Amino acid sequence: MLAHERLCQLYGAPFRFFSVKDPMSELVSAVLSHRTRNQDSHRAYQQLRARFATWPEVRDAPTAEVEEAISPCTWPEQKAPRIQAILRELTERLDGQLTLEFLADLPVPEARAWLETLPGVGPKTSAATLLFSTLRRPAMPVDSHHHRVAQRLGLIGPKVGTEASHALLEALLPPGWDAQQVYDHHEALMFHGQKCCYHRSPACGRCVLLDVCPTGQQLRGNTLVVPAA
């Protein structure tokens, strides 16, 4: 895990968890964040909570009102009915108790599999719900930045999509890592994608991983530039 160690040192791990939401709230927040900038999904979540005091109110509201409340995020016309469908499904499964605290008692793979049977919930949303919420379970979400860095490092193949990458990248983590270590790994790779390993014109010349990055070596014409220790 040389890349993990270098990036954690570079970006200042351990990182403080950014969210203190309960798992039900984190699930909704994760749905809103899909293909949306953080500031816009945060605003959509805040508007939703300001307009509706409880999750049953969101579930039972006219869909147009939920859509209006979450308008800052991308595709509110899709996410509003999806959130309501999730809430209705949970109401039925959990005898009306809209809480996901019970996931703390399930092994992480079982908790993720359970969440992924909900409408529109995939591996990134299930992992975010478990890791970012107050449950603090060691499940690793993979965002677009994390995915790009992993591909360029050769950790996954060039044709592996973001969803499929979750299982492959999680399998590479040392067994027994706790939530903080998994969170640090996710955040470090995400920060690197945001600050150095750009989608276009990555800054390979100042990358601390250049000597172990096959893509960087190719982009630099196979001229090895070893970063300072």
C-alpha atoms as a PDB file:
ATOM      1  CA  MET A   1       0.000   0.000   0.000  1.00  0.00           C
ATOM      2  CA  LEU A   2       2.819   2.372  -0.953  1.00  0.00           C
ATOM      3  CA  ALA A   3       0.410   4.705  -2.764  1.00  0.00           C
ATOM      4  CA  HIS A   4      -1.821   4.847   0.322  1.00  0.00           C
ATOM      5  CA  GLU A   5       1.061   5.744   2.600  1.00  0.00           C
ATOM      6  CA  ARG A   6       2.448   8.457   0.323  1.00  0.00           C
ATOM      7  CA  LEU A   7      -0.921  10.074  -0.330  1.00  0.00           C
ATOM      8  CA  CYS A   8      -1.962   9.972   3.319  1.00  0.00           C
ATOM      9  CA  GLN A   9       1.281  11.700   4.244  1.00  0.00           C
ATOM     10  CA  LEU A  10       0.912  14.252   1.452  1.00  0.00           C
ATOM     11  CA  TYR A  11      -2.682  15.225   2.256  1.00  0.00           C
ATOM     12  CA  GLY A  12      -2.486  15.001   6.022  1.00  0.00           C
ATOM     13  CA  ALA A  13      -4.270  11.840   7.155  1.00  0.00           C
ATOM     14  CA  PRO A  14      -5.965  10.886   9.367  1.00  0.00           C
ATOM     15  CA  PHE A  15      -8.854  12.885   7.954  1.00  0.00           C
ATOM     16  CA  ARG A  16     -11.731  14.071  10.058  1.00  0.00           C
ATOM     17  CA  PHE A  17     -15.050  12.559   9.007  1.00  0.00           C
ATOM     18  CA  PHE A  18     -16.980  15.252   7.162  1.00  0.00           C
ATOM     19  CA  SER A  19     -20.449  13.949   8.055  1.00  0.00           C
ATOM     20  CA  VAL A  20     -22.274  13.392  11.327  1.00  0.00           C
ATOM     21  CA  LYS A  21     -25.539  12.262   9.758  1.00  0.00           C
ATOM     22  CA  ASP A  22     -27.442   9.230  10.961  1.00  0.00           C
ATOM     23  CA  PRO A  23     -27.525   6.398   8.382  1.00  0.00           C
ATOM     24  CA  MET A  24     -31.043   7.192   7.123  1.00  0.00           C
ATOM     25  CA  SER A  25     -30.050  10.797   6.465  1.00  0.00           C
ATOM     26  CA  GLU A  26     -26.756   9.726   4.907  1.00  0.00           C
ATOM     27  CA  LEU A  27     -28.592   7.381   2.535  1.00  0.00           C
ATOM     28  CA  VAL A  28     -30.752  10.222   1.238  1.00  0.00           C
ATOM     29  CA  SER A  29     -27.744  12.529   1.051  1.00  0.00           C
ATOM     30  CA  ALA A  30     -25.839   9.921  -0.970  1.00  0.00           C
ATOM     31  CA  VAL A  31     -28.698   9.641  -3.462  1.00  0.00           C
ATOM     32  CA  LEU A  32     -28.703  13.415  -3.873  1.00  0.00           C
ATOM     33  CA  SER A  33     -24.929  13.501  -4.398  1.00  0.00           C
ATOM     34  CA  HIS A  34     -24.931  11.275  -7.486  1.00  0.00           C
ATOM     35  CA  ARG A  35     -23.307  13.184 -10.376  1.00  0.00           C
ATOM     36  CA  THR A  36     -23.656  16.403  -8.394  1.00  0.00           C
ATOM     37  CA  ARG A  37     -21.076  18.817  -7.011  1.00  0.00           C
ATOM     38  CA  ASN A  38     -20.738  18.611  -3.238  1.00  0.00           C
ATOM     39  CA  GLN A  39     -21.919  22.165  -2.655  1.00  0.00           C
ATOM     40  CA  ASP A  40     -25.058  21.606  -4.746  1.00  0.00           C
ATOM     41  CA  SER A  41     -25.977  18.282  -3.157  1.00  0.00           C
ATOM     42  CA  HIS A  42     -25.425  19.793   0.293  1.00  0.00           C
ATOM     43  CA  ARG A  43     -27.750  22.678  -0.565  1.00  0.00           C
ATOM     44  CA  ALA A  44     -30.363  20.254  -1.910  1.00  0.00           C
ATOM     45  CA  TYR A  45     -30.198  18.200   1.293  1.00  0.00           C
ATOM     46  CA  GLN A  46     -30.470  21.288   3.490  1.00  0.00           C
ATOM     47  CA  GLN A  47     -33.477  22.546   1.536  1.00  0.00           C
ATOM     48  CA  LEU A  48     -35.147  19.146   1.791  1.00  0.00           C
ATOM     49  CA  ARG A  49     -34.716  19.025   5.566  1.00  0.00           C
ATOM     50  CA  ALA A  50     -35.851  22.613   5.962  1.00  0.00           C
ATOM     51  CA  ARG A  51     -39.054  21.952   4.035  1.00  0.00           C
ATOM     52  CA  PHE A  52     -39.935  18.558   5.551  1.00  0.00           C
ATOM     53  CA  ALA A  53     -39.391  17.909   9.249  1.00  0.00           C
ATOM     54  CA  THR A  54     -39.453  14.102   9.060  1.00  0.00           C
ATOM     55  CA  TRP A  55     -38.761  11.329   6.565  1.00  0.00           C
ATOM     56  CA  PRO A  56     -42.427  10.219   6.607  1.00  0.00           C
ATOM     57  CA  GLU A  57     -43.313  13.731   5.445  1.00  0.00           C
ATOM     58  CA  VAL A  58     -40.872  13.410   2.549  1.00  0.00           C
ATOM     59  CA  ARG A  59     -42.297   9.987   1.712  1.00  0.00           C
ATOM     60  CA  ASP A  60     -45.901  11.193   1.662  1.00  0.00           C
ATOM     61  CA  ALA A  61     -45.449  14.622   0.071  1.00  0.00           C
ATOM     62  CA  PRO A  62     -46.447  15.344  -3.523  1.00  0.00           C
ATOM     63  CA  THR A  63     -43.442  14.371  -5.622  1.00  0.00           C
ATOM     64  CA  ALA A  64     -43.376  17.802  -7.245  1.00  0.00           C
ATOM     65  CA  GLU A  65     -42.771  19.392  -3.831  1.00  0.00           C
ATOM     66  CA  VAL A  66     -39.872  17.059  -3.097  1.00  0.00           C
ATOM     67  CA  GLU A  67     -38.459  17.767  -6.544  1.00  0.00           C
ATOM     68  CA  GLU A  68     -38.667  21.500  -5.905  1.00  0.00           C
ATOM     69  CA  ALA A  69     -36.940  21.130  -2.537  1.00  0.00           C
ATOM     70  CA  ILE A  70     -33.977  19.265  -4.029  1.00  0.00           C
ATOM     71  CA  SER A  71     -33.734  21.418  -7.164  1.00  0.00           C
ATOM     72  CA  PRO A  72     -30.044  22.382  -6.631  1.00  0.00           C
ATOM     73  CA  CYS A  73     -28.918  18.799  -7.376  1.00  0.00           C
ATOM     74  CA  THR A  74     -28.721  17.248 -10.818  1.00  0.00           C
ATOM     75  CA  TRP A  75     -31.787  15.390 -12.096  1.00  0.00           C
ATOM     76  CA  PRO A  76     -34.189  16.280  -9.262  1.00  0.00           C
ATOM     77  CA  GLU A  77     -37.018  14.912 -11.414  1.00  0.00           C
ATOM     78  CA  GLN A  78     -35.405  11.453 -11.093  1.00  0.00           C
ATOM     79  CA  LYS A  79     -34.103  11.686  -7.547  1.00  0.00           C
ATOM     80  CA  ALA A  80     -37.351  12.882  -5.937  1.00  0.00           C
ATOM     81  CA  PRO A  81     -39.378   9.788  -6.912  1.00  0.00           C
ATOM     82  CA  ARG A  82     -36.373   7.566  -6.176  1.00  0.00           C
ATOM     83  CA  ILE A  83     -36.050   8.916  -2.628  1.00  0.00           C
ATOM     84  CA  GLN A  84     -39.768   8.464  -2.057  1.00  0.00           C
ATOM     85  CA  ALA A  85     -39.615   4.905  -3.429  1.00  0.00           C
ATOM     86  CA  ILE A  86     -36.756   4.100  -1.039  1.00  0.00           C
ATOM     87  CA  LEU A  87     -38.705   5.535   1.899  1.00  0.00           C
ATOM     88  CA  ARG A  88     -41.819   3.565   0.981  1.00  0.00           C
ATOM     89  CA  GLU A  89     -39.797   0.365   0.643  1.00  0.00           C
ATOM     90  CA  LEU A  90     -38.125   0.932   4.006  1.00  0.00           C
ATOM     91  CA  THR A  91     -41.467   1.686   5.641  1.00  0.00           C
ATOM     92  CA  GLU A  92     -42.777  -1.655   4.432  1.00  0.00           C
ATOM     93  CA  ARG A  93     -39.685  -3.635   5.393  1.00  0.00           C
ATOM     94  CA  LEU A  94     -39.160  -2.036   8.788  1.00  0.00           C
ATOM     95  CA  ASP A  95     -42.761  -1.892  10.023  1.00  0.00           C
ATOM     96  CA  GLY A  96     -42.899   1.862   9.666  1.00  0.00           C
ATOM     97  CA  GLN A  97     -39.631   2.554  11.524  1.00  0.00           C
ATOM     98  CA  LEU A  98     -37.561   4.729   9.208  1.00  0.00           C
ATOM     99  CA  THR A  99     -34.211   4.047  10.837  1.00  0.00           C
ATOM    100  CA  LEU A 100     -31.172   2.118   9.663  1.00  0.00           C
ATOM    101  CA  GLU A 101     -29.337   1.835  12.979  1.00  0.00           C
ATOM    102  CA  PHE A 102     -29.778  -1.954  12.884  1.00  0.00           C
ATOM    103  CA  LEU A 103     -27.136  -2.093  10.131  1.00  0.00           C
ATOM    104  CA  ALA A 104     -24.523  -1.647  12.854  1.00  0.00           C
ATOM    105  CA  ASP A 105     -25.158  -5.261  13.877  1.00  0.00           C
ATOM    106  CA  LEU A 106     -24.716  -6.812  10.424  1.00  0.00           C
ATOM    107  CA  PRO A 107     -21.403  -7.789   8.840  1.00  0.00           C
ATOM    108  CA  VAL A 108     -20.443  -5.130   6.307  1.00  0.00           C
ATOM    109  CA  PRO A 109     -21.025  -7.340   3.221  1.00  0.00           C
ATOM    110  CA  GLU A 110     -24.516  -8.230   4.484  1.00  0.00           C
ATOM    111  CA  ALA A 111     -25.332  -4.609   5.310  1.00  0.00           C
ATOM    112  CA  ARG A 112     -24.230  -3.518   1.833  1.00  0.00           C
ATOM    113  CA  ALA A 113     -26.198  -6.292   0.133  1.00  0.00           C
ATOM    114  CA  TRP A 114     -29.306  -5.330   2.115  1.00  0.00           C
ATOM    115  CA  LEU A 115     -29.021  -1.675   1.136  1.00  0.00           C
ATOM    116  CA  GLU A 116     -28.417  -2.542  -2.511  1.00  0.00           C
ATOM    117  CA  THR A 117     -31.802  -4.233  -2.747  1.00  0.00           C
ATOM    118  CA  LEU A 118     -33.420  -0.809  -2.299  1.00  0.00           C
ATOM    119  CA  PRO A 119     -34.593   1.047  -5.431  1.00  0.00           C
ATOM    120  CA  GLY A 120     -31.689   2.719  -7.203  1.00  0.00           C
ATOM    121  CA  VAL A 121     -29.106   1.981  -4.498  1.00  0.00           C
ATOM    122  CA  GLY A 122     -25.776   0.785  -5.867  1.00  0.00           C
ATOM    123  CA  PRO A 123     -22.378   0.042  -4.321  1.00  0.00           C
ATOM    124  CA  LYS A 124     -21.278   3.662  -3.933  1.00  0.00           C
ATOM    125  CA  THR A 125     -24.470   4.632  -2.104  1.00  0.00           C
ATOM    126  CA  SER A 126     -24.399   1.579   0.156  1.00  0.00           C
ATOM    127  CA  ALA A 127     -20.756   2.165   1.065  1.00  0.00           C
ATOM    128  CA  ALA A 128     -21.310   5.878   1.681  1.00  0.00           C
ATOM    129  CA  THR A 129     -24.259   5.129   3.945  1.00  0.00           C
ATOM    130  CA  LEU A 130     -22.186   2.781   6.077  1.00  0.00           C
ATOM    131  CA  LEU A 131     -18.879   4.674   6.135  1.00  0.00           C
ATOM    132  CA  PHE A 132     -19.859   8.344   6.159  1.00  0.00           C
ATOM    133  CA  SER A 133     -22.776   8.063   8.588  1.00  0.00           C
ATOM    134  CA  THR A 134     -22.489   7.774  12.339  1.00  0.00           C
ATOM    135  CA  LEU A 135     -22.339   3.992  11.867  1.00  0.00           C
ATOM    136  CA  ARG A 136     -18.681   4.383  10.765  1.00  0.00           C
ATOM    137  CA  ARG A 137     -18.467   0.939   9.158  1.00  0.00           C
ATOM    138  CA  PRO A 138     -15.438   0.033   6.971  1.00  0.00           C
ATOM    139  CA  ALA A 139     -17.094   0.060   3.537  1.00  0.00           C
ATOM    140  CA  MET A 140     -15.279   1.921   0.778  1.00  0.00           C
ATOM    141  CA  PRO A 141     -17.090   4.183  -1.693  1.00  0.00           C
ATOM    142  CA  VAL A 142     -15.352   4.893  -4.993  1.00  0.00           C
ATOM    143  CA  ASP A 143     -16.018   8.259  -6.602  1.00  0.00           C
ATOM    144  CA  SER A 144     -14.880   9.398 -10.041  1.00  0.00           C
ATOM    145  CA  HIS A 145     -11.574  10.859  -8.768  1.00  0.00           C
ATOM    146  CA  HIS A 146     -10.726   7.748  -6.746  1.00  0.00           C
ATOM    147  CA  HIS A 147     -11.619   5.575  -9.746  1.00  0.00           C
ATOM    148  CA  ARG A 148      -9.429   7.586 -12.131  1.00  0.00           C
ATOM    149  CA  VAL A 149      -6.377   7.438  -9.849  1.00  0.00           C
ATOM    150  CA  ALA A 150      -6.850   3.687  -9.320  1.00  0.00           C
ATOM    151  CA  GLN A 151      -7.033   3.076 -13.068  1.00  0.00           C
ATOM    152  CA  ARG A 152      -3.926   5.116 -13.798  1.00  0.00           C
ATOM    153  CA  LEU A 153      -2.026   3.258 -11.092  1.00  0.00           C
ATOM    154  CA  GLY A 154      -3.062  -0.031 -12.699  1.00  0.00           C
ATOM    155  CA  LEU A 155      -5.042  -1.186  -9.649  1.00  0.00           C
ATOM    156  CA  ILE A 156      -8.003  -1.883 -11.943  1.00  0.00           C
ATOM    157  CA  GLY A 157      -8.237  -2.372 -15.676  1.00  0.00           C
ATOM    158  CA  PRO A 158      -8.915   0.481 -18.099  1.00  0.00           C
ATOM    159  CA  LYS A 159     -12.400  -0.814 -18.936  1.00  0.00           C
ATOM    160  CA  VAL A 160     -13.585  -1.387 -15.354  1.00  0.00           C
ATOM    161  CA  GLY A 161     -16.458   0.978 -14.574  1.00  0.00           C
ATOM    162  CA  THR A 162     -16.915   2.830 -11.297  1.00  0.00           C
ATOM    163  CA  GLU A 163     -19.587   0.497  -9.936  1.00  0.00           C
ATOM    164  CA  ALA A 164     -17.665  -2.651 -10.800  1.00  0.00           C
ATOM    165  CA  SER A 165     -14.510  -1.190  -9.267  1.00  0.00           C
ATOM    166  CA  HIS A 166     -15.910  -1.217  -5.736  1.00  0.00           C
ATOM    167  CA  ALA A 167     -15.479  -4.939  -5.134  1.00  0.00           C
ATOM    168  CA  LEU A 168     -12.090  -5.055  -6.886  1.00  0.00           C
ATOM    169  CA  LEU A 169     -10.596  -2.119  -4.992  1.00  0.00           C
ATOM    170  CA  GLU A 170     -12.049  -3.167  -1.649  1.00  0.00           C
ATOM    171  CA  ALA A 171     -10.473  -6.607  -2.120  1.00  0.00           C
ATOM    172  CA  LEU A 172      -7.049  -4.928  -2.335  1.00  0.00           C
ATOM    173  CA  LEU A 173      -7.375  -3.344   1.111  1.00  0.00           C
ATOM    174  CA  PRO A 174      -5.525  -5.009   3.993  1.00  0.00           C
ATOM    175  CA  PRO A 175      -7.884  -7.213   6.012  1.00  0.00           C
ATOM    176  CA  GLY A 176      -8.887  -5.777   9.351  1.00  0.00           C
ATOM    177  CA  TRP A 177      -8.754  -2.108   8.380  1.00  0.00           C
ATOM    178  CA  ASP A 178     -11.121  -0.045  10.505  1.00  0.00           C
ATOM    179  CA  ALA A 179     -13.432   2.712   9.284  1.00  0.00           C
ATOM    180  CA  GLN A 180     -10.833   5.444   9.782  1.00  0.00           C
ATOM    181  CA  GLN A 181      -8.257   3.641   7.649  1.00  0.00           C
ATOM    182  CA  VAL A 182     -10.777   2.971   4.883  1.00  0.00           C
ATOM    183  CA  TYR A 183     -11.945   6.587   5.037  1.00  0.00           C
ATOM    184  CA  ASP A 184      -8.355   7.844   4.848  1.00  0.00           C
ATOM    185  CA  HIS A 185      -7.719   5.675   1.781  1.00  0.00           C
ATOM    186  CA  HIS A 186     -10.821   6.925   0.005  1.00  0.00           C
ATOM    187  CA  GLU A 187     -10.171  10.564   0.855  1.00  0.00           C
ATOM    188  CA  ALA A 188      -6.470  10.440  -0.053  1.00  0.00           C
ATOM    189  CA  LEU A 189      -7.143   9.013  -3.525  1.00  0.00           C
ATOM    190  CA  MET A 190     -10.030  11.423  -4.025  1.00  0.00           C
ATOM    191  CA  PHE A 191      -7.895  14.421  -3.032  1.00  0.00           C
ATOM    192  CA  HIS A 192      -5.155  13.274  -5.390  1.00  0.00           C
ATOM    193  CA  GLY A 193      -7.621  13.109  -8.255  1.00  0.00           C
ATOM    194  CA  GLN A 194      -8.836  16.595  -7.438  1.00  0.00           C
ATOM    195  CA  LYS A 195      -5.464  18.228  -6.837  1.00  0.00           C
ATOM    196  CA  CYS A 196      -2.978  16.452  -9.125  1.00  0.00           C
ATOM    197  CA  CYS A 197      -4.258  13.500 -11.175  1.00  0.00           C
ATOM    198  CA  TYR A 198      -6.686  15.597 -13.203  1.00  0.00           C
ATOM    199  CA  HIS A 199      -9.044  14.144 -15.785  1.00  0.00           C
ATOM    200  CA  ARG A 200      -7.271  16.173 -18.459  1.00  0.00           C
ATOM    201  CA  SER A 201      -3.581  17.066 -18.292  1.00  0.00           C
ATOM    202  CA  PRO A 202      -2.625  15.334 -15.023  1.00  0.00           C
ATOM    203  CA  ALA A 203       0.267  17.033 -13.231  1.00  0.00           C
ATOM    204  CA  CYS A 204       2.586  14.021 -13.454  1.00  0.00           C
ATOM    205  CA  GLY A 205       5.710  16.133 -13.000  1.00  0.00           C
ATOM    206  CA  ARG A 206       4.838  16.874  -9.377  1.00  0.00           C
ATOM    207  CA  CYS A 207       3.102  13.594  -8.544  1.00  0.00           C
ATOM    208  CA  VAL A 208       4.429  11.682  -5.528  1.00  0.00           C
ATOM    209  CA  LEU A 209       3.370   8.435  -7.225  1.00  0.00           C
ATOM    210  CA  LEU A 210       5.092   8.986 -10.571  1.00  0.00           C
ATOM    211  CA  ASP A 211       7.727   6.312 -10.008  1.00  0.00           C
ATOM    212  CA  VAL A 212       5.035   3.663  -9.416  1.00  0.00           C
ATOM    213  CA  CYS A 213       2.453   4.902 -11.910  1.00  0.00           C
ATOM    214  CA  PRO A 214       2.504   3.203 -15.333  1.00  0.00           C
ATOM    215  CA  THR A 215       0.243   5.863 -16.822  1.00  0.00           C
ATOM    216  CA  GLY A 216       2.452   8.667 -15.541  1.00  0.00           C
ATOM    217  CA  GLN A 217       5.525   6.966 -16.953  1.00  0.00           C
ATOM    218  CA  GLN A 218       3.871   6.667 -20.330  1.00  0.00           C
ATOM    219  CA  LEU A 219       2.699  10.270 -20.309  1.00  0.00           C
ATOM    220  CA  ARG A 220       6.169  11.440 -19.366  1.00  0.00           C
ATOM    221  CA  GLY A 221       7.745   9.544 -22.250  1.00  0.00           C
ATOM    222  CA  ASN A 222       9.153   6.836 -19.975  1.00  0.00           C
ATOM    223  CA  THR A 223      11.480   9.367 -18.363  1.00  0.00           C
ATOM    224  CA  LEU A 224      11.560   8.464 -14.696  1.00  0.00           C
ATOM    225  CA  VAL A 225      11.301  11.396 -12.316  1.00  0.00           C
ATOM    226  CA  VAL A 226      11.451  10.097  -8.770  1.00  0.00           C
ATOM    227  CA  PRO A 227       9.600  12.361  -6.323  1.00  0.00           C
ATOM    228  CA  ALA A 228      11.429  13.626  -3.279  1.00  0.00           C
ATOM    229  CA  ALA A 229      10.923  11.517  -0.183  1.00  0.00           C
END
